[in-house]
Amino acid sequence: MTEAERIRALTPQDLLMLGIKNIAYMKDVEVDGETAVALFAANGQQIAVMEDRATATAAAWQNGLAPMTVH
C-alpha cells in the first residue's frame, strides 16, 4: 500500500487521534456567566478550564502540549 493509499484509508477515529499527545486546542467557554478558556485534546475531550488564555497557554506548554486556538 502506498503512503497516499494509507492516508486515504484513515478512519474518522484515526484522524481524531492525530496529535492527541502533542496538541491542546484552546477555545473560549462560558463558566458561571464569565468567559474562560478550555483546553481540549485532539479527540475533543476537555482537559481543563483556565481563567484566561495566558494561563491556558502556559498550562499546555508545561504539560508538553502545543496550544492551538479553535475559532
N, C-alpha and C. Protein backbone atom coordinates (compact mmCIF):
# COMPACT_ATOMS: atom_id res chain seq x y z
N MET A 1 0.85 -1.18 0.00
CA MET A 1 0.00 0.00 0.00
C MET A 1 0.90 1.24 0.00
N THR A 2 0.61 2.18 -0.86
CA THR A 2 1.40 3.40 -0.93
C THR A 2 1.02 4.33 0.22
N GLU A 3 1.85 5.33 0.45
CA GLU A 3 1.56 6.29 1.50
C GLU A 3 0.25 7.02 1.24
N ALA A 4 0.00 7.39 -0.01
CA ALA A 4 -1.26 8.06 -0.36
C ALA A 4 -2.45 7.16 -0.07
N GLU A 5 -2.33 5.88 -0.34
CA GLU A 5 -3.42 4.94 -0.07
C GLU A 5 -3.65 4.78 1.44
N ARG A 6 -2.56 4.76 2.21
CA ARG A 6 -2.69 4.68 3.67
C ARG A 6 -3.39 5.92 4.21
N ILE A 7 -3.06 7.07 3.68
CA ILE A 7 -3.70 8.32 4.13
C ILE A 7 -5.19 8.30 3.80
N ARG A 8 -5.53 7.85 2.61
CA ARG A 8 -6.94 7.78 2.20
C ARG A 8 -7.72 6.78 3.03
N ALA A 9 -7.04 5.79 3.60
CA ALA A 9 -7.70 4.74 4.39
C ALA A 9 -7.93 5.14 5.85
N LEU A 10 -7.44 6.32 6.25
CA LEU A 10 -7.63 6.75 7.63
C LEU A 10 -9.12 6.89 7.94
N THR A 11 -9.51 6.39 9.09
CA THR A 11 -10.89 6.50 9.54
C THR A 11 -11.08 7.80 10.29
N PRO A 12 -12.32 8.22 10.52
CA PRO A 12 -12.55 9.41 11.35
C PRO A 12 -11.89 9.27 12.73
N GLN A 13 -11.92 8.08 13.32
CA GLN A 13 -11.28 7.86 14.62
C GLN A 13 -9.77 8.04 14.52
N ASP A 14 -9.17 7.54 13.43
CA ASP A 14 -7.73 7.74 13.22
C ASP A 14 -7.39 9.22 13.19
N LEU A 15 -8.21 10.00 12.50
CA LEU A 15 -7.96 11.44 12.39
C LEU A 15 -8.08 12.13 13.75
N LEU A 16 -9.04 11.67 14.57
CA LEU A 16 -9.20 12.25 15.91
C LEU A 16 -7.97 12.03 16.77
N MET A 17 -7.28 10.94 16.56
CA MET A 17 -6.13 10.60 17.39
C MET A 17 -4.85 11.32 16.96
N LEU A 18 -4.84 11.91 15.76
CA LEU A 18 -3.66 12.64 15.30
C LEU A 18 -3.37 13.80 16.25
N GLY A 19 -2.19 13.84 16.77
CA GLY A 19 -1.80 14.94 17.64
C GLY A 19 -2.30 14.86 19.06
N ILE A 20 -2.95 13.76 19.44
CA ILE A 20 -3.55 13.69 20.77
C ILE A 20 -2.51 13.85 21.89
N LYS A 21 -1.29 13.42 21.65
CA LYS A 21 -0.25 13.54 22.68
C LYS A 21 0.58 14.80 22.52
N ASN A 22 0.29 15.60 21.48
CA ASN A 22 1.15 16.75 21.19
C ASN A 22 0.42 18.09 21.17
N ILE A 23 -0.88 18.08 20.96
CA ILE A 23 -1.60 19.33 20.72
C ILE A 23 -2.75 19.49 21.71
N ALA A 24 -2.93 20.71 22.20
CA ALA A 24 -4.10 21.07 23.00
C ALA A 24 -4.80 22.22 22.29
N TYR A 25 -6.06 22.06 22.05
CA TYR A 25 -6.84 23.11 21.41
C TYR A 25 -7.47 23.99 22.47
N MET A 26 -7.39 25.31 22.30
CA MET A 26 -7.96 26.26 23.24
C MET A 26 -9.21 26.88 22.63
N LYS A 27 -10.24 26.99 23.46
CA LYS A 27 -11.50 27.56 22.99
C LYS A 27 -12.13 28.34 24.14
N ASP A 28 -12.66 29.53 23.82
CA ASP A 28 -13.37 30.30 24.84
C ASP A 28 -14.65 29.58 25.21
N VAL A 29 -14.92 29.50 26.50
CA VAL A 29 -16.14 28.89 27.01
C VAL A 29 -16.73 29.79 28.08
N GLU A 30 -17.98 29.60 28.40
CA GLU A 30 -18.62 30.38 29.45
C GLU A 30 -18.77 29.51 30.69
N VAL A 31 -18.30 30.05 31.83
CA VAL A 31 -18.40 29.36 33.11
C VAL A 31 -18.99 30.34 34.12
N ASP A 32 -20.15 30.02 34.64
CA ASP A 32 -20.82 30.89 35.62
C ASP A 32 -20.96 32.32 35.11
N GLY A 33 -21.29 32.47 33.85
CA GLY A 33 -21.51 33.79 33.26
C GLY A 33 -20.24 34.54 32.89
N GLU A 34 -19.10 33.94 33.10
CA GLU A 34 -17.81 34.56 32.78
C GLU A 34 -17.14 33.80 31.64
N THR A 35 -16.31 34.49 30.87
CA THR A 35 -15.56 33.84 29.80
C THR A 35 -14.30 33.22 30.38
N ALA A 36 -14.07 31.96 30.04
CA ALA A 36 -12.86 31.24 30.45
C ALA A 36 -12.30 30.59 29.18
N VAL A 37 -11.18 29.91 29.32
CA VAL A 37 -10.56 29.23 28.19
C VAL A 37 -10.42 27.76 28.54
N ALA A 38 -10.97 26.89 27.70
CA ALA A 38 -10.88 25.46 27.91
C ALA A 38 -9.80 24.87 27.01
N LEU A 39 -9.11 23.88 27.53
CA LEU A 39 -8.14 23.12 26.74
C LEU A 39 -8.78 21.79 26.38
N PHE A 40 -8.65 21.40 25.11
CA PHE A 40 -9.20 20.15 24.62
C PHE A 40 -8.11 19.33 23.95
N ALA A 41 -8.18 18.01 24.11
CA ALA A 41 -7.28 17.11 23.39
C ALA A 41 -7.71 17.06 21.92
N ALA A 42 -6.87 16.50 21.09
CA ALA A 42 -7.17 16.42 19.66
C ALA A 42 -8.46 15.67 19.38
N ASN A 43 -8.85 14.75 20.25
CA ASN A 43 -10.07 13.99 20.05
C ASN A 43 -11.32 14.70 20.58
N GLY A 44 -11.14 15.92 21.09
CA GLY A 44 -12.27 16.70 21.57
C GLY A 44 -12.54 16.58 23.05
N GLN A 45 -11.82 15.73 23.75
CA GLN A 45 -12.01 15.58 25.19
C GLN A 45 -11.49 16.81 25.91
N GLN A 46 -12.32 17.37 26.79
CA GLN A 46 -11.90 18.55 27.56
C GLN A 46 -10.85 18.12 28.58
N ILE A 47 -9.75 18.86 28.61
CA ILE A 47 -8.64 18.57 29.52
C ILE A 47 -8.73 19.44 30.76
N ALA A 48 -8.99 20.73 30.57
CA ALA A 48 -9.00 21.67 31.69
C ALA A 48 -9.71 22.96 31.28
N VAL A 49 -10.06 23.76 32.28
CA VAL A 49 -10.61 25.10 32.06
C VAL A 49 -9.79 26.07 32.89
N MET A 50 -9.33 27.14 32.25
CA MET A 50 -8.49 28.13 32.91
C MET A 50 -9.18 29.50 32.85
N GLU A 51 -8.75 30.39 33.71
CA GLU A 51 -9.35 31.73 33.78
C GLU A 51 -9.10 32.57 32.54
N ASP A 52 -7.90 32.40 31.94
CA ASP A 52 -7.57 33.25 30.79
C ASP A 52 -6.66 32.51 29.83
N ARG A 53 -6.48 33.10 28.66
CA ARG A 53 -5.71 32.47 27.58
C ARG A 53 -4.23 32.31 27.97
N ALA A 54 -3.66 33.27 28.66
CA ALA A 54 -2.25 33.17 29.06
C ALA A 54 -2.02 31.98 29.98
N THR A 55 -2.91 31.78 30.92
CA THR A 55 -2.79 30.65 31.85
C THR A 55 -2.98 29.33 31.11
N ALA A 56 -3.94 29.29 30.20
CA ALA A 56 -4.19 28.07 29.42
C ALA A 56 -2.98 27.74 28.54
N THR A 57 -2.40 28.75 27.93
CA THR A 57 -1.22 28.55 27.09
C THR A 57 -0.06 28.01 27.91
N ALA A 58 0.18 28.62 29.07
CA ALA A 58 1.27 28.17 29.95
C ALA A 58 1.03 26.73 30.41
N ALA A 59 -0.20 26.40 30.77
CA ALA A 59 -0.51 25.04 31.22
C ALA A 59 -0.27 24.02 30.11
N ALA A 60 -0.65 24.37 28.90
CA ALA A 60 -0.42 23.46 27.77
C ALA A 60 1.08 23.21 27.59
N TRP A 61 1.87 24.28 27.52
CA TRP A 61 3.31 24.12 27.33
C TRP A 61 3.94 23.34 28.47
N GLN A 62 3.52 23.62 29.71
CA GLN A 62 4.10 22.92 30.87
C GLN A 62 3.81 21.43 30.85
N ASN A 63 2.78 21.04 30.13
CA ASN A 63 2.42 19.62 30.04
C ASN A 63 2.82 19.01 28.70
N GLY A 64 3.74 19.67 28.00
CA GLY A 64 4.29 19.13 26.78
C GLY A 64 3.35 19.17 25.58
N LEU A 65 2.35 20.07 25.62
CA LEU A 65 1.39 20.19 24.54
C LEU A 65 1.56 21.52 23.83
N ALA A 66 1.43 21.52 22.53
CA ALA A 66 1.47 22.76 21.76
C ALA A 66 0.04 23.32 21.69
N PRO A 67 -0.18 24.52 22.23
CA PRO A 67 -1.53 25.07 22.23
C PRO A 67 -1.91 25.65 20.86
N MET A 68 -3.12 25.36 20.43
CA MET A 68 -3.69 25.87 19.19
C MET A 68 -5.06 26.48 19.52
N THR A 69 -5.43 27.51 18.81
CA THR A 69 -6.75 28.09 19.06
C THR A 69 -7.78 27.51 18.09
N VAL A 70 -9.00 27.43 18.58
CA VAL A 70 -10.14 26.99 17.76
C VAL A 70 -11.03 28.21 17.59
N HIS A 71 -11.38 28.49 16.35
CA HIS A 71 -12.23 29.66 16.09
C HIS A 71 -13.62 29.22 15.74
